[in-house]
PDB file of N, CA and C in Angstrom:
ATOM      1  N   UNK A   1     166.089 -56.370-238.388  1.00  0.00           N
ATOM      2  CA  UNK A   1     166.918 -56.488-239.615  1.00  0.00           C
ATOM      3  C   UNK A   1     167.521 -57.894-239.562  1.00  0.00           C
ATOM      4  N   UNK A   2     167.642 -58.530-240.676  1.00  0.00           N
ATOM      5  CA  UNK A   2     168.119 -59.884-240.824  1.00  0.00           C
ATOM      6  C   UNK A   2     169.633 -59.937-240.692  1.00  0.00           C
ATOM      7  N   UNK A   3     170.146 -60.818-239.920  1.00  0.00           N
ATOM      8  CA  UNK A   3     171.606 -60.854-239.704  1.00  0.00           C
ATOM      9  C   UNK A   3     172.089 -61.896-240.763  1.00  0.00           C
ATOM     10  N   UNK A   4     172.837 -61.370-241.727  1.00  0.00           N
ATOM     11  CA  UNK A   4     173.390 -62.250-242.807  1.00  0.00           C
ATOM     12  C   UNK A   4     174.455 -63.223-242.292  1.00  0.00           C
ATOM     13  N   UNK A   5     174.987 -62.856-241.180  1.00  0.00           N
ATOM     14  CA  UNK A   5     176.098 -63.709-240.633  1.00  0.00           C
ATOM     15  C   UNK A   5     175.458 -64.639-239.580  1.00  0.00           C
ATOM     16  N   UNK A   6     175.200 -65.955-239.994  1.00  0.00           N
ATOM     17  CA  UNK A   6     174.557 -66.850-239.116  1.00  0.00           C
ATOM     18  C   UNK A   6     175.596 -67.669-238.390  1.00  0.00           C
ATOM     19  N   UNK A   7     176.813 -67.213-238.343  1.00  0.00           N
ATOM     20  CA  UNK A   7     177.906 -67.825-237.600  1.00  0.00           C
ATOM     21  C   UNK A   7     177.559 -67.995-236.154  1.00  0.00           C
ATOM     22  N   UNK A   8     177.637 -69.265-235.645  1.00  0.00           N
ATOM     23  CA  UNK A   8     177.390 -69.573-234.257  1.00  0.00           C
ATOM     24  C   UNK A   8     178.685 -69.626-233.583  1.00  0.00           C
ATOM     25  N   UNK A   9     178.845 -68.742-232.637  1.00  0.00           N
ATOM     26  CA  UNK A   9     180.080 -68.516-231.856  1.00  0.00           C
ATOM     27  C   UNK A   9     179.890 -69.285-230.517  1.00  0.00           C
ATOM     28  N   UNK A  10     180.768 -70.323-230.229  1.00  0.00           N
ATOM     29  CA  UNK A  10     180.651 -71.052-229.014  1.00  0.00           C
ATOM     30  C   UNK A  10     180.803 -70.185-227.713  1.00  0.00           C
ATOM     31  N   UNK A  11     180.068 -70.508-226.746  1.00  0.00           N
ATOM     32  CA  UNK A  11     180.116 -69.748-225.477  1.00  0.00           C
ATOM     33  C   UNK A  11     181.568 -69.734-224.939  1.00  0.00           C
ATOM     34  N   UNK A  12     182.290 -70.819-225.151  1.00  0.00           N
ATOM     35  CA  UNK A  12     183.699 -70.892-224.667  1.00  0.00           C
ATOM     36  C   UNK A  12     184.584 -69.837-225.278  1.00  0.00           C
ATOM     37  N   UNK A  13     184.261 -69.423-226.584  1.00  0.00           N
ATOM     38  CA  UNK A  13     185.037 -68.398-227.223  1.00  0.00           C
ATOM     39  C   UNK A  13     184.498 -66.991-226.832  1.00  0.00           C
ATOM     40  N   UNK A  14     183.195 -66.799-226.724  1.00  0.00           N
ATOM     41  CA  UNK A  14     182.659 -65.523-226.239  1.00  0.00           C
ATOM     42  C   UNK A  14     183.256 -65.148-224.864  1.00  0.00           C
ATOM     43  N   UNK A  15     183.386 -66.183-224.061  1.00  0.00           N
ATOM     44  CA  UNK A  15     183.859 -66.036-222.648  1.00  0.00           C
ATOM     45  C   UNK A  15     185.277 -65.422-222.628  1.00  0.00           C
ATOM     46  N   UNK A  16     186.011 -65.517-223.709  1.00  0.00           N
ATOM     47  CA  UNK A  16     187.360 -64.945-223.763  1.00  0.00           C
ATOM     48  C   UNK A  16     187.246 -63.334-223.672  1.00  0.00           C
ATOM     49  N   UNK A  17     186.043 -62.815-224.090  1.00  0.00           N
ATOM     50  CA  UNK A  17     185.887 -61.406-224.126  1.00  0.00           C
ATOM     51  C   UNK A  17     185.113 -60.838-223.003  1.00  0.00           C
ATOM     52  N   UNK A  18     184.775 -61.678-222.005  1.00  0.00           N
ATOM     53  CA  UNK A  18     183.984 -61.198-220.839  1.00  0.00           C
ATOM     54  C   UNK A  18     185.023 -61.038-219.668  1.00  0.00           C
ATOM     55  N   UNK A  19     185.135 -59.864-219.247  1.00  0.00           N
ATOM     56  CA  UNK A  19     186.118 -59.472-218.178  1.00  0.00           C
ATOM     57  C   UNK A  19     185.589 -60.004-216.842  1.00  0.00           C
ATOM     58  N   UNK A  20     186.405 -60.419-215.899  1.00  0.00           N
ATOM     59  CA  UNK A  20     185.968 -60.900-214.590  1.00  0.00           C
ATOM     60  C   UNK A  20     185.038 -59.763-213.947  1.00  0.00           C
ATOM     61  N   UNK A  21     183.914 -60.263-213.416  1.00  0.00           N
ATOM     62  CA  UNK A  21     182.921 -59.416-212.737  1.00  0.00           C
ATOM     63  C   UNK A  21     181.995 -58.794-213.668  1.00  0.00           C
ATOM     64  N   UNK A  22     182.077 -59.024-214.965  1.00  0.00           N
ATOM     65  CA  UNK A  22     181.255 -58.460-215.991  1.00  0.00           C
ATOM     66  C   UNK A  22     180.362 -59.583-216.575  1.00  0.00           C
ATOM     67  N   UNK A  23     179.270 -59.229-217.190  1.00  0.00           N
ATOM     68  CA  UNK A  23     178.400 -60.224-217.837  1.00  0.00           C
ATOM     69  C   UNK A  23     178.452 -60.218-219.311  1.00  0.00           C
ATOM     70  N   UNK A  24     178.747 -58.971-219.850  1.00  0.00           N
ATOM     71  CA  UNK A  24     178.694 -58.724-221.285  1.00  0.00           C
ATOM     72  C   UNK A  24     180.126 -58.676-221.859  1.00  0.00           C
ATOM     73  N   UNK A  25     180.289 -59.145-223.096  1.00  0.00           N
ATOM     74  CA  UNK A  25     181.595 -59.124-223.727  1.00  0.00           C
ATOM     75  C   UNK A  25     182.023 -57.693-223.895  1.00  0.00           C
ATOM     76  N   UNK A  26     183.444 -57.567-223.924  1.00  0.00           N
ATOM     77  CA  UNK A  26     184.069 -56.255-224.064  1.00  0.00           C
ATOM     78  C   UNK A  26     184.225 -55.880-225.541  1.00  0.00           C
ATOM     79  N   UNK A  27     183.819 -56.710-226.468  1.00  0.00           N
ATOM     80  CA  UNK A  27     183.858 -56.506-227.903  1.00  0.00           C
ATOM     81  C   UNK A  27     182.546 -56.657-228.509  1.00  0.00           C
ATOM     82  N   UNK A  28     182.428 -56.130-229.839  1.00  0.00           N
ATOM     83  CA  UNK A  28     181.178 -56.272-230.520  1.00  0.00           C
ATOM     84  C   UNK A  28     181.077 -57.750-231.042  1.00  0.00           C
ATOM     85  N   UNK A  29     179.852 -58.158-231.390  1.00  0.00           N
ATOM     86  CA  UNK A  29     179.704 -59.423-231.977  1.00  0.00           C
ATOM     87  C   UNK A  29     180.433 -59.633-233.254  1.00  0.00           C
ATOM     88  N   UNK A  30     180.503 -58.571-234.035  1.00  0.00           N
ATOM     89  CA  UNK A  30     181.349 -58.607-235.338  1.00  0.00           C
ATOM     90  C   UNK A  30     182.756 -58.885-234.993  1.00  0.00           C
ATOM     91  N   UNK A  31     183.318 -58.146-234.071  1.00  0.00           N
ATOM     92  CA  UNK A  31     184.805 -58.342-233.663  1.00  0.00           C
ATOM     93  C   UNK A  31     184.994 -59.749-233.173  1.00  0.00           C
ATOM     94  N   UNK A  32     184.128 -60.210-232.257  1.00  0.00           N
ATOM     95  CA  UNK A  32     184.294 -61.536-231.652  1.00  0.00           C
ATOM     96  C   UNK A  32     184.160 -62.626-232.753  1.00  0.00           C
ATOM     97  N   UNK A  33     183.191 -62.324-233.689  1.00  0.00           N
ATOM     98  CA  UNK A  33     183.024 -63.288-234.829  1.00  0.00           C
ATOM     99  C   UNK A  33     184.195 -63.421-235.726  1.00  0.00           C
ATOM    100  N   UNK A  34     184.831 -62.232-235.954  1.00  0.00           N
ATOM    101  CA  UNK A  34     186.102 -62.251-236.805  1.00  0.00           C
ATOM    102  C   UNK A  34     187.180 -62.986-236.117  1.00  0.00           C
ATOM    103  N   UNK A  35     187.446 -62.769-234.807  1.00  0.00           N
ATOM    104  CA  UNK A  35     188.443 -63.463-234.029  1.00  0.00           C
ATOM    105  C   UNK A  35     188.128 -64.948-233.989  1.00  0.00           C
ATOM    106  N   UNK A  36     186.837 -65.317-233.744  1.00  0.00           N
ATOM    107  CA  UNK A  36     186.494 -66.676-233.719  1.00  0.00           C
ATOM    108  C   UNK A  36     186.771 -67.437-235.006  1.00  0.00           C
ATOM    109  N   UNK A  37     186.426 -66.785-236.161  1.00  0.00           N
ATOM    110  CA  UNK A  37     186.694 -67.423-237.429  1.00  0.00           C
ATOM    111  C   UNK A  37     188.171 -67.633-237.719  1.00  0.00           C
ATOM    112  N   UNK A  38     188.986 -66.639-237.318  1.00  0.00           N
ATOM    113  CA  UNK A  38     190.398 -66.712-237.387  1.00  0.00           C
ATOM    114  C   UNK A  38     190.928 -67.907-236.537  1.00  0.00           C
ATOM    115  N   UNK A  39     190.502 -67.958-235.316  1.00  0.00           N
ATOM    116  CA  UNK A  39     190.949 -69.004-234.366  1.00  0.00           C
ATOM    117  C   UNK A  39     190.538 -70.392-234.693  1.00  0.00           C
ATOM    118  N   UNK A  40     189.262 -70.530-235.180  1.00  0.00           N
ATOM    119  CA  UNK A  40     188.727 -71.797-235.615  1.00  0.00           C
ATOM    120  C   UNK A  40     189.498 -72.290-236.905  1.00  0.00           C
ATOM    121  N   UNK A  41     189.718 -71.330-237.830  1.00  0.00           N
ATOM    122  CA  UNK A  41     190.487 -71.683-239.055  1.00  0.00           C
ATOM    123  C   UNK A  41     191.875 -72.148-238.599  1.00  0.00           C
ATOM    124  N   UNK A  42     192.520 -71.451-237.678  1.00  0.00           N
ATOM    125  CA  UNK A  42     193.883 -71.825-237.276  1.00  0.00           C
ATOM    126  C   UNK A  42     193.931 -73.156-236.670  1.00  0.00           C
ATOM    127  N   UNK A  43     192.943 -73.459-235.846  1.00  0.00           N
ATOM    128  CA  UNK A  43     192.907 -74.823-235.216  1.00  0.00           C
ATOM    129  C   UNK A  43     192.714 -75.882-236.293  1.00  0.00           C
ATOM    130  N   UNK A  44     191.890 -75.573-237.275  1.00  0.00           N
ATOM    131  CA  UNK A  44     191.635 -76.539-238.411  1.00  0.00           C
ATOM    132  C   UNK A  44     192.896 -76.718-239.218  1.00  0.00           C
ATOM    133  N   UNK A  45     193.579 -75.604-239.374  1.00  0.00           N
ATOM    134  CA  UNK A  45     194.847 -75.590-240.239  1.00  0.00           C
ATOM    135  C   UNK A  45     195.880 -76.451-239.548  1.00  0.00           C
ATOM    136  N   UNK A  46     195.934 -76.373-238.193  1.00  0.00           N
ATOM    137  CA  UNK A  46     196.958 -77.085-237.410  1.00  0.00           C
ATOM    138  C   UNK A  46     196.714 -78.571-237.314  1.00  0.00           C
ATOM    139  N   UNK A  47     195.556 -79.016-237.745  1.00  0.00           N
ATOM    140  CA  UNK A  47     195.118 -80.421-237.481  1.00  0.00           C
ATOM    141  C   UNK A  47     196.076 -81.335-238.158  1.00  0.00           C
ATOM    142  N   UNK A  48     196.403 -81.215-239.443  1.00  0.00           N
ATOM    143  CA  UNK A  48     197.207 -82.110-240.128  1.00  0.00           C
ATOM    144  C   UNK A  48     198.706 -81.993-239.633  1.00  0.00           C
ATOM    145  N   UNK A  49     199.092 -80.795-239.336  1.00  0.00           N
ATOM    146  CA  UNK A  49     200.412 -80.566-238.740  1.00  0.00           C
ATOM    147  C   UNK A  49     200.643 -81.332-237.495  1.00  0.00           C
ATOM    148  N   UNK A  50     199.626 -81.167-236.578  1.00  0.00           N
ATOM    149  CA  UNK A  50     199.713 -81.915-235.320  1.00  0.00           C
ATOM    150  C   UNK A  50     199.777 -83.428-235.504  1.00  0.00           C
ATOM    151  N   UNK A  51     198.871 -83.855-236.340  1.00  0.00           N
ATOM    152  CA  UNK A  51     198.785 -85.315-236.587  1.00  0.00           C
ATOM    153  C   UNK A  51     200.154 -85.798-237.142  1.00  0.00           C
ATOM    154  N   UNK A  52     200.790 -85.033-238.047  1.00  0.00           N
ATOM    155  CA  UNK A  52     202.041 -85.462-238.642  1.00  0.00           C
ATOM    156  C   UNK A  52     203.140 -85.445-237.562  1.00  0.00           C
ATOM    157  N   UNK A  53     203.178 -84.453-236.728  1.00  0.00           N
ATOM    158  CA  UNK A  53     204.180 -84.315-235.682  1.00  0.00           C
ATOM    159  C   UNK A  53     204.088 -85.527-234.737  1.00  0.00           C
ATOM    160  N   UNK A  54     202.870 -85.856-234.352  1.00  0.00           N
ATOM    161  CA  UNK A  54     202.618 -87.008-233.512  1.00  0.00           C
ATOM    162  C   UNK A  54     203.181 -88.259-234.211  1.00  0.00           C
ATOM    163  N   UNK A  55     202.834 -88.476-235.445  1.00  0.00           N
ATOM    164  CA  UNK A  55     203.258 -89.691-236.090  1.00  0.00           C
ATOM    165  C   UNK A  55     204.709 -89.634-236.562  1.00  0.00           C
ATOM    166  N   UNK A  56     205.203 -88.614-237.158  1.00  0.00           N
ATOM    167  CA  UNK A  56     206.502 -88.591-237.762  1.00  0.00           C
ATOM    168  C   UNK A  56     207.628 -88.532-236.651  1.00  0.00           C
ATOM    169  N   UNK A  57     207.339 -87.733-235.580  1.00  0.00           N
ATOM    170  CA  UNK A  57     208.299 -87.606-234.495  1.00  0.00           C
ATOM    171  C   UNK A  57     208.224 -88.623-233.418  1.00  0.00           C
ATOM    172  N   UNK A  58     206.981 -89.291-233.356  1.00  0.00           N
ATOM    173  CA  UNK A  58     206.766 -90.315-232.374  1.00  0.00           C
ATOM    174  C   UNK A  58     206.674 -89.712-231.003  1.00  0.00           C
ATOM    175  N   UNK A  59     206.216 -88.433-230.886  1.00  0.00           N
ATOM    176  CA  UNK A  59     205.967 -87.793-229.568  1.00  0.00           C
ATOM    177  C   UNK A  59     204.486 -87.912-229.171  1.00  0.00           C
ATOM    178  N   UNK A  60     204.309 -87.718-227.888  1.00  0.00           N
ATOM    179  CA  UNK A  60     202.988 -87.915-227.359  1.00  0.00           C
ATOM    180  C   UNK A  60     202.077 -86.772-227.853  1.00  0.00           C
ATOM    181  N   UNK A  61     200.804 -87.041-227.708  1.00  0.00           N
ATOM    182  CA  UNK A  61     199.739 -86.109-228.102  1.00  0.00           C
ATOM    183  C   UNK A  61     199.893 -84.811-227.234  1.00  0.00           C
ATOM    184  N   UNK A  62     200.181 -85.044-225.951  1.00  0.00           N
ATOM    185  CA  UNK A  62     200.434 -83.889-225.046  1.00  0.00           C
ATOM    186  C   UNK A  62     201.617 -82.988-225.489  1.00  0.00           C
ATOM    187  N   UNK A  63     202.647 -83.735-225.912  1.00  0.00           N
ATOM    188  CA  UNK A  63     203.869 -83.013-226.371  1.00  0.00           C
ATOM    189  C   UNK A  63     203.574 -82.210-227.599  1.00  0.00           C
ATOM    190  N   UNK A  64     202.751 -82.735-228.497  1.00  0.00           N
ATOM    191  CA  UNK A  64     202.420 -81.985-229.697  1.00  0.00           C
ATOM    192  C   UNK A  64     201.728 -80.787-229.369  1.00  0.00           C
ATOM    193  N   UNK A  65     200.740 -80.870-228.391  1.00  0.00           N
ATOM    194  CA  UNK A  65     199.995 -79.746-227.951  1.00  0.00           C
ATOM    195  C   UNK A  65     200.796 -78.658-227.354  1.00  0.00           C
ATOM    196  N   UNK A  66     201.745 -79.140-226.500  1.00  0.00           N
ATOM    197  CA  UNK A  66     202.716 -78.194-225.762  1.00  0.00           C
ATOM    198  C   UNK A  66     203.456 -77.418-226.898  1.00  0.00           C
ATOM    199  N   UNK A  67     203.987 -78.171-227.853  1.00  0.00           N
ATOM    200  CA  UNK A  67     204.722 -77.493-228.956  1.00  0.00           C
ATOM    201  C   UNK A  67     203.922 -76.449-229.715  1.00  0.00           C
ATOM    202  N   UNK A  68     202.688 -76.849-229.974  1.00  0.00           N
ATOM    203  CA  UNK A  68     201.786 -75.875-230.757  1.00  0.00           C
ATOM    204  C   UNK A  68     201.575 -74.725-229.851  1.00  0.00           C
ATOM    205  N   UNK A  69     201.305 -74.934-228.486  1.00  0.00           N
ATOM    206  CA  UNK A  69     201.025 -73.810-227.658  1.00  0.00           C
ATOM    207  C   UNK A  69     202.211 -72.881-227.531  1.00  0.00           C
ATOM    208  N   UNK A  70     203.409 -73.414-227.440  1.00  0.00           N
ATOM    209  CA  UNK A  70     204.649 -72.585-227.421  1.00  0.00           C
ATOM    210  C   UNK A  70     204.801 -71.732-228.762  1.00  0.00           C
ATOM    211  N   UNK A  71     204.578 -72.447-229.854  1.00  0.00           N
ATOM    212  CA  UNK A  71     204.666 -71.787-231.163  1.00  0.00           C
ATOM    213  C   UNK A  71     203.578 -70.557-231.266  1.00  0.00           C
ATOM    214  N   UNK A  72     202.415 -70.827-230.795  1.00  0.00           N
ATOM    215  CA  UNK A  72     201.397 -69.846-230.798  1.00  0.00           C
ATOM    216  C   UNK A  72     201.620 -68.677-229.844  1.00  0.00           C
ATOM    217  N   UNK A  73     202.400 -68.941-228.866  1.00  0.00           N
ATOM    218  CA  UNK A  73     202.679 -67.999-227.747  1.00  0.00           C
ATOM    219  C   UNK A  73     203.717 -66.949-228.294  1.00  0.00           C
ATOM    220  N   UNK A  74     204.249 -67.097-229.441  1.00  0.00           N
ATOM    221  CA  UNK A  74     205.207 -66.100-229.961  1.00  0.00           C
ATOM    222  C   UNK A  74     204.483 -64.867-230.363  1.00  0.00           C
ATOM    223  N   UNK A  75     205.120 -63.702-230.193  1.00  0.00           N
ATOM    224  CA  UNK A  75     204.416 -62.418-230.419  1.00  0.00           C
ATOM    225  C   UNK A  75     203.864 -62.217-231.844  1.00  0.00           C
ATOM    226  N   UNK A  76     204.443 -62.901-232.845  1.00  0.00           N
ATOM    227  CA  UNK A  76     204.052 -62.661-234.298  1.00  0.00           C
ATOM    228  C   UNK A  76     203.023 -63.762-234.676  1.00  0.00           C
ATOM    229  N   UNK A  77     202.448 -64.576-233.767  1.00  0.00           N
ATOM    230  CA  UNK A  77     201.498 -65.621-234.140  1.00  0.00           C
ATOM    231  C   UNK A  77     200.141 -65.157-234.588  1.00  0.00           C
ATOM    232  N   UNK A  78     199.752 -63.898-234.149  1.00  0.00           N
ATOM    233  CA  UNK A  78     198.480 -63.405-234.511  1.00  0.00           C
ATOM    234  C   UNK A  78     197.435 -63.622-233.495  1.00  0.00           C
ATOM    235  N   UNK A  79     197.757 -64.439-232.427  1.00  0.00           N
ATOM    236  CA  UNK A  79     196.751 -64.593-231.402  1.00  0.00           C
ATOM    237  C   UNK A  79     197.346 -64.269-230.069  1.00  0.00           C
ATOM    238  N   UNK A  80     196.362 -63.818-229.098  1.00  0.00           N
ATOM    239  CA  UNK A  80     196.815 -63.498-227.839  1.00  0.00           C
ATOM    240  C   UNK A  80     196.787 -64.648-226.930  1.00  0.00           C
ATOM    241  N   UNK A  81     197.181 -64.486-225.649  1.00  0.00           N
ATOM    242  CA  UNK A  81     197.339 -65.554-224.748  1.00  0.00           C
ATOM    243  C   UNK A  81     196.026 -66.396-224.516  1.00  0.00           C
ATOM    244  N   UNK A  82     194.889 -65.673-224.360  1.00  0.00           N
ATOM    245  CA  UNK A  82     193.658 -66.374-224.130  1.00  0.00           C
ATOM    246  C   UNK A  82     193.213 -67.174-225.357  1.00  0.00           C
ATOM    247  N   UNK A  83     193.493 -66.549-226.535  1.00  0.00           N
ATOM    248  CA  UNK A  83     193.150 -67.274-227.780  1.00  0.00           C
ATOM    249  C   UNK A  83     194.040 -68.452-228.036  1.00  0.00           C
ATOM    250  N   UNK A  84     195.367 -68.396-227.596  1.00  0.00           N
ATOM    251  CA  UNK A  84     196.225 -69.525-227.667  1.00  0.00           C
ATOM    252  C   UNK A  84     195.608 -70.709-226.896  1.00  0.00           C
ATOM    253  N   UNK A  85     195.219 -70.478-225.660  1.00  0.00           N
ATOM    254  CA  UNK A  85     194.620 -71.586-224.931  1.00  0.00           C
ATOM    255  C   UNK A  85     193.395 -72.199-225.654  1.00  0.00           C
ATOM    256  N   UNK A  86     192.575 -71.319-226.216  1.00  0.00           N
ATOM    257  CA  UNK A  86     191.389 -71.744-226.866  1.00  0.00           C
ATOM    258  C   UNK A  86     191.696 -72.532-228.071  1.00  0.00           C
ATOM    259  N   UNK A  87     192.626 -72.075-228.901  1.00  0.00           N
ATOM    260  CA  UNK A  87     193.058 -72.732-230.168  1.00  0.00           C
ATOM    261  C   UNK A  87     193.611 -74.221-229.819  1.00  0.00           C
ATOM    262  N   UNK A  88     194.492 -74.272-228.772  1.00  0.00           N
ATOM    263  CA  UNK A  88     195.118 -75.502-228.461  1.00  0.00           C
ATOM    264  C   UNK A  88     193.938 -76.517-227.904  1.00  0.00           C
ATOM    265  N   UNK A  89     193.123 -75.962-227.138  1.00  0.00           N
ATOM    266  CA  UNK A  89     192.004 -76.776-226.667  1.00  0.00           C
ATOM    267  C   UNK A  89     191.106 -77.285-227.829  1.00  0.00           C
ATOM    268  N   UNK A  90     190.883 -76.357-228.724  1.00  0.00           N
ATOM    269  CA  UNK A  90     190.032 -76.758-229.931  1.00  0.00           C
ATOM    270  C   UNK A  90     190.787 -77.798-230.798  1.00  0.00           C
ATOM    271  N   UNK A  91     192.048 -77.590-230.964  1.00  0.00           N
ATOM    272  CA  UNK A  91     192.839 -78.614-231.734  1.00  0.00           C
ATOM    273  C   UNK A  91     192.837 -79.884-231.108  1.00  0.00           C
ATOM    274  N   UNK A  92     192.988 -79.942-229.737  1.00  0.00           N
ATOM    275  CA  UNK A  92     192.872 -81.240-229.023  1.00  0.00           C
ATOM    276  C   UNK A  92     191.493 -81.945-229.222  1.00  0.00           C
ATOM    277  N   UNK A  93     190.461 -81.060-229.221  1.00  0.00           N
ATOM    278  CA  UNK A  93     189.116 -81.572-229.502  1.00  0.00           C
ATOM    279  C   UNK A  93     188.950 -82.145-230.917  1.00  0.00           C
ATOM    280  N   UNK A  94     189.539 -81.402-231.911  1.00  0.00           N
ATOM    281  CA  UNK A  94     189.475 -81.879-233.257  1.00  0.00           C
ATOM    282  C   UNK A  94     190.143 -83.141-233.426  1.00  0.00           C
ATOM    283  N   UNK A  95     191.305 -83.279-232.864  1.00  0.00           N
ATOM    284  CA  UNK A  95     192.162 -84.506-232.855  1.00  0.00           C
ATOM    285  C   UNK A  95     191.539 -85.646-232.049  1.00  0.00           C
ATOM    286  N   UNK A  96     190.717 -85.353-231.039  1.00  0.00           N
ATOM    287  CA  UNK A  96     190.215 -86.418-230.187  1.00  0.00           C
ATOM    288  C   UNK A  96     191.251 -86.752-229.042  1.00  0.00           C
ATOM    289  N   UNK A  97     192.062 -85.784-228.862  1.00  0.00           N
ATOM    290  CA  UNK A  97     193.172 -86.019-227.890  1.00  0.00           C
ATOM    291  C   UNK A  97     192.729 -85.379-226.454  1.00  0.00           C
ATOM    292  N   UNK A  98     193.264 -85.950-225.418  1.00  0.00           N
ATOM    293  CA  UNK A  98     193.050 -85.370-224.110  1.00  0.00           C
ATOM    294  C   UNK A  98     193.805 -84.034-224.036  1.00  0.00           C
ATOM    295  N   UNK A  99     193.101 -83.092-223.300  1.00  0.00           N
ATOM    296  CA  UNK A  99     193.745 -81.773-223.147  1.00  0.00           C
ATOM    297  C   UNK A  99     193.674 -81.405-221.656  1.00  0.00           C
ATOM    298  N   UNK A 100     194.832 -80.885-221.164  1.00  0.00           N
ATOM    299  CA  UNK A 100     194.851 -80.420-219.717  1.00  0.00           C
ATOM    300  C   UNK A 100     195.393 -79.072-219.753  1.00  0.00           C
ATOM    301  N   UNK A 101     194.576 -78.149-219.126  1.00  0.00           N
ATOM    302  CA  UNK A 101     194.927 -76.799-219.090  1.00  0.00           C
ATOM    303  C   UNK A 101     196.256 -76.652-218.297  1.00  0.00           C
ATOM    304  N   UNK A 102     197.236 -75.975-218.928  1.00  0.00           N
ATOM    305  CA  UNK A 102     198.536 -75.823-218.268  1.00  0.00           C
ATOM    306  C   UNK A 102     198.619 -74.710-217.293  1.00  0.00           C
ATOM    307  N   UNK A 103     197.593 -73.850-217.255  1.00  0.00           N
ATOM    308  CA  UNK A 103     197.644 -72.589-216.340  1.00  0.00           C
ATOM    309  C   UNK A 103     196.970 -72.967-215.061  1.00  0.00           C
TER     310      UNK A 103
END
């Protein structure tokens, strides 16, 4: 059967759904794809905000990323802890900023 959804999900995102000691994701491709689209859209949405924070407040790129991470870590953000790390890493990648894993 032809898969109408040609969305390519990066391995780094699929890895969020692979439990330690396992090889296969713990969720369906459709579920992972939906979460990926949400997280990718979120990172892209935060692009201009992050750039403005960096410029307007005169804070470092790293400080912007820390602030974004803290904001996304709030319970009502819509993303879980592993997705927060992925979104912040993706935002840094989009901005061309260095990213250092805080954990």
